[in-house]
Amino acid sequence: MTINLGWVRRQDGDADGARSSFEDALRMSRRSGEHFDIAYTVLGLACLAADAGEWSRACVLHGIAQAGLDRTGEPWQEPEVRYRGESLAQIRAQIGAEQSERDYAWGMALGSDGIADVAFEKDPRYFTPVCHDDAG
């Protein structure tokens, strides 16, 4: 229920409310061990990070979400599959395929071990959006 409220708040442009809903849902899902719900809440936080221009953090979160969903053996469902695709396309357009693939792979490798640090912004590497220079 809280996960859906997060998506509604995001669609309404209430990023703070959406973040609060997703974080609450993540705490509850982690306590209960619901991997499916964990994946969907982290996906919500990934989309919010992309909305805020936190490209690398968003991509790592997308990787963590995918790793979590992979544990369930289930595919993404609509409308989240669409939200995910739009968010990842936005990230790739901003930081490029190479950087986004690196960040995504790191998130996949972190899996559930990285959820708290990245999702709750405890890891200082994700407090500020990373600027990428096309010139190298």
N, C-alpha and C. Protein backbone atom coordinates (compact mmCIF):
# COMPACT_ATOMS: atom_id res chain seq x y z
N MET A 1 0.82 -1.19 0.00
CA MET A 1 0.00 0.00 0.00
C MET A 1 0.87 1.26 0.00
N THR A 2 1.89 1.30 0.88
CA THR A 2 2.77 2.46 0.96
C THR A 2 3.56 2.65 -0.32
N ILE A 3 3.89 1.54 -0.98
CA ILE A 3 4.62 1.63 -2.25
C ILE A 3 3.76 2.36 -3.27
N ASN A 4 2.51 1.97 -3.38
CA ASN A 4 1.61 2.63 -4.34
C ASN A 4 1.45 4.11 -4.03
N LEU A 5 1.38 4.46 -2.77
CA LEU A 5 1.28 5.86 -2.38
C LEU A 5 2.51 6.63 -2.84
N GLY A 6 3.67 5.99 -2.76
CA GLY A 6 4.90 6.62 -3.26
C GLY A 6 4.81 6.93 -4.74
N TRP A 7 4.29 6.00 -5.53
CA TRP A 7 4.15 6.24 -6.97
C TRP A 7 3.14 7.34 -7.25
N VAL A 8 2.04 7.35 -6.51
CA VAL A 8 1.03 8.40 -6.70
C VAL A 8 1.62 9.76 -6.37
N ARG A 9 2.34 9.84 -5.27
CA ARG A 9 2.95 11.12 -4.88
C ARG A 9 3.99 11.57 -5.91
N ARG A 10 4.75 10.63 -6.44
CA ARG A 10 5.72 10.98 -7.49
C ARG A 10 4.99 11.55 -8.71
N GLN A 11 3.92 10.88 -9.12
CA GLN A 11 3.16 11.35 -10.28
C GLN A 11 2.54 12.73 -10.02
N ASP A 12 2.23 13.02 -8.76
CA ASP A 12 1.67 14.33 -8.39
C ASP A 12 2.74 15.40 -8.21
N GLY A 13 4.00 15.04 -8.37
CA GLY A 13 5.09 16.00 -8.23
C GLY A 13 5.52 16.23 -6.79
N ASP A 14 5.10 15.38 -5.88
CA ASP A 14 5.46 15.49 -4.46
C ASP A 14 6.65 14.58 -4.17
N ALA A 15 7.85 15.03 -4.55
CA ALA A 15 9.05 14.20 -4.39
C ALA A 15 9.32 13.86 -2.93
N ASP A 16 9.17 14.83 -2.04
CA ASP A 16 9.44 14.56 -0.62
C ASP A 16 8.45 13.54 -0.05
N GLY A 17 7.19 13.69 -0.39
CA GLY A 17 6.18 12.73 0.07
C GLY A 17 6.42 11.35 -0.50
N ALA A 18 6.80 11.30 -1.78
CA ALA A 18 7.07 10.02 -2.43
C ALA A 18 8.27 9.35 -1.77
N ARG A 19 9.33 10.13 -1.53
CA ARG A 19 10.53 9.58 -0.89
C ARG A 19 10.18 9.01 0.49
N SER A 20 9.39 9.76 1.25
CA SER A 20 8.99 9.30 2.57
C SER A 20 8.20 7.99 2.49
N SER A 21 7.29 7.90 1.54
CA SER A 21 6.50 6.68 1.36
C SER A 21 7.38 5.50 0.98
N PHE A 22 8.28 5.72 0.02
CA PHE A 22 9.16 4.64 -0.42
C PHE A 22 10.11 4.21 0.71
N GLU A 23 10.64 5.17 1.46
CA GLU A 23 11.55 4.82 2.56
C GLU A 23 10.81 4.04 3.65
N ASP A 24 9.59 4.46 3.98
CA ASP A 24 8.79 3.72 4.96
C ASP A 24 8.52 2.29 4.47
N ALA A 25 8.16 2.18 3.21
CA ALA A 25 7.88 0.86 2.64
C ALA A 25 9.15 0.00 2.63
N LEU A 26 10.29 0.61 2.36
CA LEU A 26 11.54 -0.12 2.35
C LEU A 26 11.88 -0.66 3.74
N ARG A 27 11.69 0.18 4.75
CA ARG A 27 11.95 -0.27 6.12
C ARG A 27 11.06 -1.47 6.47
N MET A 28 9.79 -1.36 6.15
CA MET A 28 8.85 -2.45 6.46
C MET A 28 9.19 -3.72 5.67
N SER A 29 9.53 -3.56 4.41
CA SER A 29 9.84 -4.71 3.55
C SER A 29 11.12 -5.40 3.99
N ARG A 30 12.11 -4.62 4.40
CA ARG A 30 13.36 -5.22 4.87
C ARG A 30 13.12 -6.01 6.15
N ARG A 31 12.29 -5.47 7.05
CA ARG A 31 11.99 -6.18 8.29
C ARG A 31 11.27 -7.51 8.02
N SER A 32 10.36 -7.49 7.07
CA SER A 32 9.57 -8.69 6.79
C SER A 32 10.25 -9.62 5.78
N GLY A 33 11.32 -9.13 5.14
CA GLY A 33 12.04 -9.96 4.18
C GLY A 33 11.35 -10.14 2.85
N GLU A 34 10.46 -9.22 2.52
CA GLU A 34 9.71 -9.29 1.25
C GLU A 34 10.56 -8.75 0.10
N HIS A 35 11.29 -9.64 -0.58
CA HIS A 35 12.21 -9.22 -1.64
C HIS A 35 11.51 -8.52 -2.79
N PHE A 36 10.33 -8.97 -3.12
CA PHE A 36 9.56 -8.34 -4.20
C PHE A 36 9.28 -6.88 -3.86
N ASP A 37 8.80 -6.63 -2.65
CA ASP A 37 8.51 -5.25 -2.22
C ASP A 37 9.77 -4.42 -2.09
N ILE A 38 10.85 -5.04 -1.62
CA ILE A 38 12.13 -4.31 -1.53
C ILE A 38 12.53 -3.81 -2.91
N ALA A 39 12.46 -4.68 -3.90
CA ALA A 39 12.84 -4.29 -5.26
C ALA A 39 12.00 -3.11 -5.76
N TYR A 40 10.70 -3.16 -5.51
CA TYR A 40 9.82 -2.10 -5.99
C TYR A 40 10.03 -0.78 -5.24
N THR A 41 10.34 -0.84 -3.96
CA THR A 41 10.59 0.41 -3.23
C THR A 41 11.92 1.02 -3.66
N VAL A 42 12.92 0.18 -3.87
CA VAL A 42 14.21 0.71 -4.34
C VAL A 42 14.05 1.27 -5.74
N LEU A 43 13.24 0.64 -6.58
CA LEU A 43 12.96 1.19 -7.90
C LEU A 43 12.35 2.59 -7.78
N GLY A 44 11.41 2.76 -6.85
CA GLY A 44 10.82 4.08 -6.65
C GLY A 44 11.87 5.11 -6.25
N LEU A 45 12.77 4.73 -5.35
CA LEU A 45 13.83 5.65 -4.94
C LEU A 45 14.79 5.93 -6.09
N ALA A 46 15.03 4.94 -6.95
CA ALA A 46 15.88 5.14 -8.12
C ALA A 46 15.25 6.17 -9.07
N CYS A 47 13.97 6.04 -9.31
CA CYS A 47 13.27 6.99 -10.19
C CYS A 47 13.29 8.40 -9.60
N LEU A 48 13.12 8.51 -8.29
CA LEU A 48 13.17 9.82 -7.64
C LEU A 48 14.57 10.43 -7.75
N ALA A 49 15.60 9.60 -7.58
CA ALA A 49 16.97 10.10 -7.70
C ALA A 49 17.21 10.63 -9.12
N ALA A 50 16.72 9.92 -10.12
CA ALA A 50 16.86 10.38 -11.51
C ALA A 50 16.07 11.68 -11.72
N ASP A 51 14.88 11.75 -11.15
CA ASP A 51 14.08 12.98 -11.26
C ASP A 51 14.84 14.18 -10.71
N ALA A 52 15.66 13.93 -9.68
CA ALA A 52 16.42 14.99 -9.02
C ALA A 52 17.78 15.24 -9.68
N GLY A 53 18.09 14.50 -10.74
CA GLY A 53 19.36 14.69 -11.43
C GLY A 53 20.53 14.01 -10.73
N GLU A 54 20.25 13.08 -9.83
CA GLU A 54 21.30 12.32 -9.14
C GLU A 54 21.58 11.07 -9.97
N TRP A 55 22.19 11.26 -11.12
CA TRP A 55 22.26 10.23 -12.16
C TRP A 55 22.97 8.96 -11.71
N SER A 56 24.17 9.08 -11.17
CA SER A 56 24.92 7.89 -10.77
C SER A 56 24.22 7.16 -9.63
N ARG A 57 23.75 7.91 -8.64
CA ARG A 57 23.04 7.29 -7.52
C ARG A 57 21.79 6.56 -8.03
N ALA A 58 21.07 7.20 -8.95
CA ALA A 58 19.87 6.58 -9.51
C ALA A 58 20.21 5.27 -10.21
N CYS A 59 21.29 5.27 -10.94
CA CYS A 59 21.66 4.07 -11.69
C CYS A 59 22.09 2.95 -10.74
N VAL A 60 22.81 3.28 -9.70
CA VAL A 60 23.18 2.27 -8.70
C VAL A 60 21.91 1.70 -8.06
N LEU A 61 20.97 2.57 -7.71
CA LEU A 61 19.71 2.10 -7.13
C LEU A 61 18.94 1.20 -8.10
N HIS A 62 18.96 1.54 -9.38
CA HIS A 62 18.31 0.67 -10.37
C HIS A 62 18.96 -0.71 -10.37
N GLY A 63 20.29 -0.74 -10.26
CA GLY A 63 20.98 -2.02 -10.19
C GLY A 63 20.61 -2.81 -8.95
N ILE A 64 20.53 -2.13 -7.80
CA ILE A 64 20.14 -2.79 -6.56
C ILE A 64 18.72 -3.34 -6.68
N ALA A 65 17.82 -2.54 -7.27
CA ALA A 65 16.43 -2.98 -7.45
C ALA A 65 16.37 -4.23 -8.33
N GLN A 66 17.14 -4.23 -9.41
CA GLN A 66 17.13 -5.39 -10.31
C GLN A 66 17.68 -6.63 -9.60
N ALA A 67 18.76 -6.45 -8.85
CA ALA A 67 19.33 -7.58 -8.10
C ALA A 67 18.29 -8.14 -7.13
N GLY A 68 17.55 -7.25 -6.49
CA GLY A 68 16.51 -7.69 -5.56
C GLY A 68 15.39 -8.44 -6.27
N LEU A 69 14.98 -7.92 -7.41
CA LEU A 69 13.90 -8.59 -8.15
C LEU A 69 14.37 -9.93 -8.70
N ASP A 70 15.64 -10.00 -9.11
CA ASP A 70 16.18 -11.26 -9.63
C ASP A 70 16.07 -12.37 -8.58
N ARG A 71 16.16 -12.00 -7.31
CA ARG A 71 16.05 -13.00 -6.23
C ARG A 71 14.66 -13.62 -6.18
N THR A 72 13.66 -12.91 -6.69
CA THR A 72 12.29 -13.42 -6.66
C THR A 72 11.95 -14.28 -7.86
N GLY A 73 12.71 -14.12 -8.96
CA GLY A 73 12.41 -14.85 -10.18
C GLY A 73 11.24 -14.26 -10.96
N GLU A 74 10.75 -13.10 -10.52
CA GLU A 74 9.60 -12.45 -11.16
C GLU A 74 10.08 -11.30 -12.07
N PRO A 75 9.30 -10.99 -13.12
CA PRO A 75 9.63 -9.83 -13.95
C PRO A 75 9.01 -8.56 -13.36
N TRP A 76 9.47 -7.40 -13.83
CA TRP A 76 8.83 -6.15 -13.46
C TRP A 76 7.41 -6.14 -14.02
N GLN A 77 6.49 -5.52 -13.30
CA GLN A 77 5.10 -5.42 -13.70
C GLN A 77 4.80 -3.98 -14.16
N GLU A 78 3.72 -3.81 -14.90
CA GLU A 78 3.24 -2.48 -15.27
C GLU A 78 2.54 -1.87 -14.06
N PRO A 79 2.63 -0.59 -13.87
CA PRO A 79 3.29 0.41 -14.71
C PRO A 79 4.77 0.59 -14.38
N GLU A 80 5.28 -0.13 -13.36
CA GLU A 80 6.67 0.08 -12.96
C GLU A 80 7.66 -0.26 -14.05
N VAL A 81 7.37 -1.23 -14.91
CA VAL A 81 8.28 -1.55 -16.00
C VAL A 81 8.46 -0.32 -16.90
N ARG A 82 7.39 0.44 -17.08
CA ARG A 82 7.45 1.66 -17.89
C ARG A 82 8.24 2.74 -17.16
N TYR A 83 7.97 2.94 -15.86
CA TYR A 83 8.70 3.94 -15.09
C TYR A 83 10.20 3.64 -15.12
N ARG A 84 10.53 2.37 -14.97
CA ARG A 84 11.93 1.94 -14.96
C ARG A 84 12.59 2.26 -16.30
N GLY A 85 11.92 1.88 -17.38
CA GLY A 85 12.48 2.13 -18.72
C GLY A 85 12.69 3.60 -19.00
N GLU A 86 11.72 4.42 -18.62
CA GLU A 86 11.85 5.87 -18.82
C GLU A 86 12.99 6.44 -18.00
N SER A 87 13.11 5.99 -16.76
CA SER A 87 14.16 6.49 -15.88
C SER A 87 15.54 6.09 -16.39
N LEU A 88 15.71 4.84 -16.76
CA LEU A 88 17.01 4.40 -17.27
C LEU A 88 17.38 5.11 -18.57
N ALA A 89 16.41 5.36 -19.43
CA ALA A 89 16.68 6.09 -20.68
C ALA A 89 17.13 7.52 -20.36
N GLN A 90 16.49 8.15 -19.39
CA GLN A 90 16.85 9.50 -18.99
C GLN A 90 18.29 9.52 -18.44
N ILE A 91 18.62 8.54 -17.63
CA ILE A 91 19.97 8.45 -17.06
C ILE A 91 21.00 8.29 -18.17
N ARG A 92 20.77 7.35 -19.08
CA ARG A 92 21.71 7.12 -20.18
C ARG A 92 21.90 8.38 -21.02
N ALA A 93 20.83 9.11 -21.23
CA ALA A 93 20.93 10.35 -22.02
C ALA A 93 21.79 11.40 -21.31
N GLN A 94 21.81 11.35 -19.99
CA GLN A 94 22.56 12.35 -19.23
C GLN A 94 24.02 11.97 -19.00
N ILE A 95 24.29 10.72 -18.67
CA ILE A 95 25.67 10.34 -18.32
C ILE A 95 26.31 9.37 -19.31
N GLY A 96 25.55 8.94 -20.29
CA GLY A 96 26.11 8.05 -21.30
C GLY A 96 25.98 6.58 -20.92
N ALA A 97 26.06 5.75 -21.94
CA ALA A 97 25.87 4.32 -21.75
C ALA A 97 26.98 3.71 -20.90
N GLU A 98 28.22 4.10 -21.13
CA GLU A 98 29.34 3.49 -20.41
C GLU A 98 29.25 3.72 -18.91
N GLN A 99 29.05 4.98 -18.51
CA GLN A 99 28.96 5.30 -17.08
C GLN A 99 27.72 4.66 -16.45
N SER A 100 26.60 4.72 -17.17
CA SER A 100 25.38 4.14 -16.60
C SER A 100 25.51 2.63 -16.43
N GLU A 101 26.17 1.97 -17.37
CA GLU A 101 26.38 0.53 -17.25
C GLU A 101 27.29 0.19 -16.06
N ARG A 102 28.32 1.01 -15.85
CA ARG A 102 29.22 0.80 -14.70
C ARG A 102 28.46 0.96 -13.39
N ASP A 103 27.68 2.05 -13.29
CA ASP A 103 26.93 2.32 -12.06
C ASP A 103 25.88 1.25 -11.81
N TYR A 104 25.20 0.83 -12.86
CA TYR A 104 24.18 -0.21 -12.75
C TYR A 104 24.81 -1.52 -12.29
N ALA A 105 25.95 -1.87 -12.88
CA ALA A 105 26.64 -3.11 -12.50
C ALA A 105 27.09 -3.05 -11.04
N TRP A 106 27.51 -1.89 -10.59
CA TRP A 106 27.91 -1.75 -9.20
C TRP A 106 26.70 -1.99 -8.30
N GLY A 107 25.56 -1.42 -8.67
CA GLY A 107 24.34 -1.66 -7.90
C GLY A 107 23.95 -3.12 -7.87
N MET A 108 24.08 -3.79 -9.00
CA MET A 108 23.78 -5.23 -9.06
C MET A 108 24.71 -5.99 -8.13
N ALA A 109 25.98 -5.60 -8.09
CA ALA A 109 26.95 -6.27 -7.24
C ALA A 109 26.68 -5.99 -5.76
N LEU A 110 26.27 -4.77 -5.44
CA LEU A 110 25.96 -4.42 -4.05
C LEU A 110 24.75 -5.20 -3.55
N GLY A 111 23.74 -5.31 -4.42
CA GLY A 111 22.52 -6.01 -4.05
C GLY A 111 21.98 -5.52 -2.72
N SER A 112 21.49 -6.42 -1.92
CA SER A 112 20.85 -6.04 -0.66
C SER A 112 21.85 -5.45 0.34
N ASP A 113 23.13 -5.74 0.19
CA ASP A 113 24.12 -5.17 1.11
C ASP A 113 24.22 -3.66 0.99
N GLY A 114 23.91 -3.12 -0.19
CA GLY A 114 24.05 -1.69 -0.39
C GLY A 114 22.78 -0.89 -0.23
N ILE A 115 21.68 -1.56 0.06
CA ILE A 115 20.40 -0.87 0.11
C ILE A 115 20.40 0.29 1.09
N ALA A 116 20.76 0.04 2.32
CA ALA A 116 20.66 1.08 3.35
C ALA A 116 21.54 2.28 3.03
N ASP A 117 22.80 2.04 2.67
CA ASP A 117 23.71 3.15 2.42
C ASP A 117 23.28 4.00 1.24
N VAL A 118 22.87 3.37 0.17
CA VAL A 118 22.54 4.12 -1.05
C VAL A 118 21.10 4.64 -0.99
N ALA A 119 20.15 3.81 -0.58
CA ALA A 119 18.75 4.23 -0.57
C ALA A 119 18.48 5.33 0.44
N PHE A 120 19.11 5.22 1.61
CA PHE A 120 18.89 6.23 2.65
C PHE A 120 19.96 7.30 2.65
N GLU A 121 20.72 7.38 1.56
CA GLU A 121 21.73 8.43 1.33
C GLU A 121 22.77 8.50 2.44
N LYS A 122 23.19 7.36 2.95
CA LYS A 122 24.23 7.33 3.98
C LYS A 122 25.62 7.29 3.37
N ASP A 123 25.72 6.95 2.09
CA ASP A 123 27.01 6.87 1.42
C ASP A 123 27.29 8.23 0.78
N PRO A 124 28.32 8.95 1.25
CA PRO A 124 28.58 10.30 0.76
C PRO A 124 28.88 10.39 -0.73
N ARG A 125 29.21 9.29 -1.37
CA ARG A 125 29.48 9.34 -2.81
C ARG A 125 28.23 9.69 -3.61
N TYR A 126 27.04 9.60 -2.96
CA TYR A 126 25.79 9.81 -3.69
C TYR A 126 25.02 11.03 -3.21
N PHE A 127 25.65 11.90 -2.44
CA PHE A 127 24.96 13.10 -1.97
C PHE A 127 24.87 14.16 -3.06
N THR A 128 25.81 14.17 -3.98
CA THR A 128 25.88 15.20 -5.00
C THR A 128 25.88 14.54 -6.38
N PRO A 129 25.10 15.08 -7.31
CA PRO A 129 25.14 14.51 -8.66
C PRO A 129 26.55 14.58 -9.24
N VAL A 130 26.93 13.55 -9.96
CA VAL A 130 28.24 13.50 -10.59
C VAL A 130 28.15 14.18 -11.94
N CYS A 131 29.07 15.08 -12.22
CA CYS A 131 29.12 15.75 -13.53
C CYS A 131 30.05 14.97 -14.41
N HIS A 132 29.63 14.71 -15.61
CA HIS A 132 30.42 13.96 -16.57
C HIS A 132 30.75 14.85 -17.75
N ASP A 133 32.02 14.95 -18.07
CA ASP A 133 32.49 15.79 -19.16
C ASP A 133 32.68 14.93 -20.39
N ASP A 134 32.00 15.28 -21.48
CA ASP A 134 32.11 14.50 -22.72
C ASP A 134 33.52 14.57 -23.31
N ALA A 135 34.25 15.62 -22.96
CA ALA A 135 35.58 15.79 -23.52
C ALA A 135 36.59 14.83 -22.89
N GLY A 136 36.19 14.17 -21.79
CA GLY A 136 37.08 13.18 -21.19
C GLY A 136 37.59 13.67 -19.92
